[in-house]
Amino acid sequence: MSKLILIRHAKSDWSGNVDDLQRGLNNRGLNSCRVISKELKKRIDKPDLFLISPALRAKLTYENIFLNWDDKDNNLFVEEDLYNASVEQIKKTLSSKVLGFNTVVIIGHNPILNSLMYQLTTKGYNKLPTNLVTCGVVMIGYSENIFKTPVFANGEVVDYFFPRMYM
């Protein structure tokens, strides 16, 4: 089964006067990453591919969740589209990047992740949140290995979890 894992960046730090792309994570965000890292390790092996927004808070979310999984280099792409693109643009980016992979993680922002999670699924809507919270995780499963011919049809919501469930 192929898995697409959508993660909204952790809680960002609004102190200081910095550009939106340069905002980091606050303490709650860092704690949330530790919780999500632990919960993801229970559910999946290390993902094959990571597509990350260029925003610092998204990069830090990735680092604080996944860099402690092992010492191997990750297939990581910083994707400009994940910051301000449309769902259709993101789907095109996905289609061009996921070939040959089995478990793909996207770390980005709302409101686009909210729209994306509904467009990539046809089953399990009852498990989807109306609003993907910070550091929230939506796991979408595909019965076939769609990453050989990525069309993103028949996705099923396998799981949705977020930090406050475990804090």
Protein backbone atom coordinates (compact mmCIF):
# COMPACT_ATOMS: atom_id res chain seq x y z
CA MET A 1 0.00 0.00 0.00
CA SER A 2 1.30 3.45 -0.91
CA LYS A 3 0.94 6.17 1.70
CA LEU A 4 0.77 9.91 1.36
CA ILE A 5 1.24 11.69 4.68
CA LEU A 6 0.19 15.34 4.98
CA ILE A 7 1.59 17.28 7.94
CA ARG A 8 0.79 20.86 8.74
CA HIS A 9 3.84 22.68 10.12
CA ALA A 10 4.12 22.92 13.90
CA LYS A 11 3.12 26.02 15.85
CA SER A 12 5.16 28.97 14.65
CA ASP A 13 6.90 31.68 16.64
CA TRP A 14 5.29 35.06 16.18
CA SER A 15 7.71 36.94 18.44
CA GLY A 16 10.00 39.35 16.71
CA ASN A 17 9.55 41.16 13.45
CA VAL A 18 10.57 38.62 10.80
CA ASP A 19 9.39 37.86 7.29
CA ASP A 20 6.70 35.15 7.09
CA LEU A 21 9.09 32.72 5.38
CA GLN A 22 11.61 33.14 8.22
CA ARG A 23 9.32 32.44 11.18
CA GLY A 24 10.58 29.51 13.26
CA LEU A 25 8.80 27.33 15.82
CA ASN A 26 7.81 28.22 19.35
CA ASN A 27 8.22 25.88 22.34
CA ARG A 28 4.77 24.35 21.86
CA GLY A 29 5.67 23.62 18.24
CA LEU A 30 8.92 21.92 19.24
CA ASN A 31 7.10 19.79 21.83
CA SER A 32 4.46 18.89 19.25
CA CYS A 33 7.14 17.68 16.85
CA ARG A 34 8.55 15.33 19.49
CA VAL A 35 5.09 13.88 20.13
CA ILE A 36 4.32 13.43 16.43
CA SER A 37 7.71 11.85 15.76
CA LYS A 38 7.04 9.25 18.44
CA GLU A 39 3.52 8.53 17.15
CA LEU A 40 4.61 8.28 13.52
CA LYS A 41 7.34 5.78 14.45
CA LYS A 42 4.61 3.52 15.85
CA ARG A 43 2.66 3.63 12.58
CA ILE A 44 5.16 3.70 9.71
CA ASP A 45 8.70 2.92 8.66
CA LYS A 46 10.84 5.83 7.60
CA PRO A 47 9.25 7.56 4.57
CA ASP A 48 10.92 7.36 1.17
CA LEU A 49 10.40 10.95 0.08
CA PHE A 50 9.81 14.32 1.74
CA LEU A 51 8.33 17.38 0.00
CA ILE A 52 8.66 20.45 2.21
CA SER A 53 7.53 24.06 1.97
CA PRO A 54 10.38 26.60 1.79
CA ALA A 55 9.12 28.30 4.98
CA LEU A 56 11.50 27.92 7.92
CA ARG A 57 8.71 26.60 10.19
CA ALA A 58 8.04 23.75 7.73
CA LYS A 59 11.74 22.88 7.46
CA LEU A 60 12.07 22.90 11.26
CA THR A 61 8.98 20.71 11.56
CA TYR A 62 10.63 18.19 9.24
CA GLU A 63 13.92 18.31 11.15
CA ASN A 64 12.31 17.92 14.55
CA ILE A 65 10.09 15.02 13.48
CA PHE A 66 12.28 13.01 11.12
CA LEU A 67 15.99 13.71 11.52
CA ASN A 68 16.26 11.53 14.62
CA TRP A 69 14.85 8.43 12.85
CA ASP A 70 18.24 7.26 11.52
CA ASP A 71 21.50 8.49 10.10
CA LYS A 72 20.67 7.91 6.44
CA ASP A 73 20.26 10.79 4.04
CA ASN A 74 16.67 11.55 3.18
CA ASN A 75 15.15 12.15 -0.24
CA LEU A 76 14.16 15.71 0.52
CA PHE A 77 12.90 18.38 -1.85
CA VAL A 78 12.03 21.91 -0.85
CA GLU A 79 9.06 22.74 -3.05
CA GLU A 80 8.14 26.38 -3.67
CA ASP A 81 4.63 25.25 -4.68
CA LEU A 82 3.93 24.15 -1.11
CA TYR A 83 4.04 27.73 0.13
CA ASN A 84 1.46 29.51 -2.03
CA ALA A 85 0.35 27.31 -4.92
CA SER A 86 -3.07 25.96 -5.86
CA VAL A 87 -4.15 22.38 -5.22
CA GLU A 88 -3.78 21.65 -8.94
CA GLN A 89 -0.19 22.94 -8.96
CA ILE A 90 0.65 20.81 -5.92
CA LYS A 91 -0.91 17.73 -7.52
CA LYS A 92 1.27 18.31 -10.61
CA THR A 93 4.35 18.62 -8.41
CA LEU A 94 3.39 15.41 -6.62
CA SER A 95 2.90 13.55 -9.87
CA SER A 96 6.34 14.55 -11.09
CA LYS A 97 8.17 13.70 -7.85
CA VAL A 98 6.64 10.53 -6.37
CA LEU A 99 7.46 8.00 -9.08
CA GLY A 100 9.17 4.97 -7.57
CA PHE A 101 8.47 5.84 -3.95
CA ASN A 102 6.10 4.14 -1.53
CA THR A 103 5.66 6.51 1.44
CA VAL A 104 5.69 10.25 0.76
CA VAL A 105 5.46 13.06 3.33
CA ILE A 106 4.32 16.58 2.54
CA ILE A 107 4.88 19.32 5.10
CA GLY A 108 3.07 22.55 4.32
CA HIS A 109 0.44 25.06 5.34
CA ASN A 110 -3.25 25.71 5.63
CA PRO A 111 -5.57 26.47 3.95
CA ILE A 112 -4.06 24.55 1.03
CA LEU A 113 -3.50 21.31 2.97
CA ASN A 114 -7.18 21.34 3.99
CA SER A 115 -8.22 21.47 0.34
CA LEU A 116 -5.59 18.97 -0.74
CA MET A 117 -6.59 16.30 1.78
CA TYR A 118 -10.18 16.37 0.54
CA GLN A 119 -9.19 16.25 -3.13
CA LEU A 120 -6.81 13.30 -2.66
CA THR A 121 -9.31 11.06 -0.86
CA THR A 122 -12.43 9.22 -1.91
CA LYS A 123 -12.92 7.09 1.22
CA GLY A 124 -12.80 7.81 4.93
CA TYR A 125 -13.99 11.41 4.88
CA ASN A 126 -15.43 10.90 8.37
CA LYS A 127 -11.83 10.72 9.68
CA LEU A 128 -10.80 14.07 8.16
CA PRO A 129 -10.79 17.22 10.29
CA THR A 130 -12.55 20.34 9.11
CA ASN A 131 -9.33 22.18 9.92
CA LEU A 132 -5.93 20.47 9.98
CA VAL A 133 -4.37 21.76 13.20
CA THR A 134 -0.71 22.66 13.60
CA CYS A 135 1.46 19.54 13.49
CA GLY A 136 -1.65 17.52 12.60
CA VAL A 137 -1.08 14.43 10.45
CA VAL A 138 -3.38 12.95 7.81
CA MET A 139 -2.36 9.57 6.41
CA ILE A 140 -3.88 8.63 3.05
CA GLY A 141 -3.51 5.08 1.79
CA TYR A 142 -3.81 3.78 -1.74
CA SER A 143 -4.52 0.09 -2.32
CA GLU A 144 -2.24 -0.03 -5.35
CA ASN A 145 1.23 1.39 -5.57
CA ILE A 146 0.04 4.60 -7.18
CA PHE A 147 3.49 6.03 -7.12
CA LYS A 148 4.30 3.96 -10.19
CA THR A 149 1.63 5.85 -12.17
CA PRO A 150 0.52 8.69 -9.89
CA VAL A 151 -3.09 9.64 -10.47
CA PHE A 152 -4.16 10.00 -6.82
CA ALA A 153 -7.50 8.27 -7.24
CA ASN A 154 -9.23 6.19 -4.57
CA GLY A 155 -7.25 7.49 -1.64
CA GLU A 156 -8.53 6.37 1.74
CA VAL A 157 -7.97 8.23 4.99
CA VAL A 158 -6.08 5.73 7.11
CA ASP A 159 -5.46 7.91 10.13
CA TYR A 160 -5.65 11.43 11.49
CA PHE A 161 -3.87 12.44 14.66
CA PHE A 162 -2.47 15.56 16.25
CA PRO A 163 -0.25 16.43 19.23
CA ARG A 164 -2.91 17.31 21.79
CA MET A 165 -4.26 13.76 21.57
CA TYR A 166 -1.09 12.64 23.37
CA MET A 167 -0.16 15.60 25.58
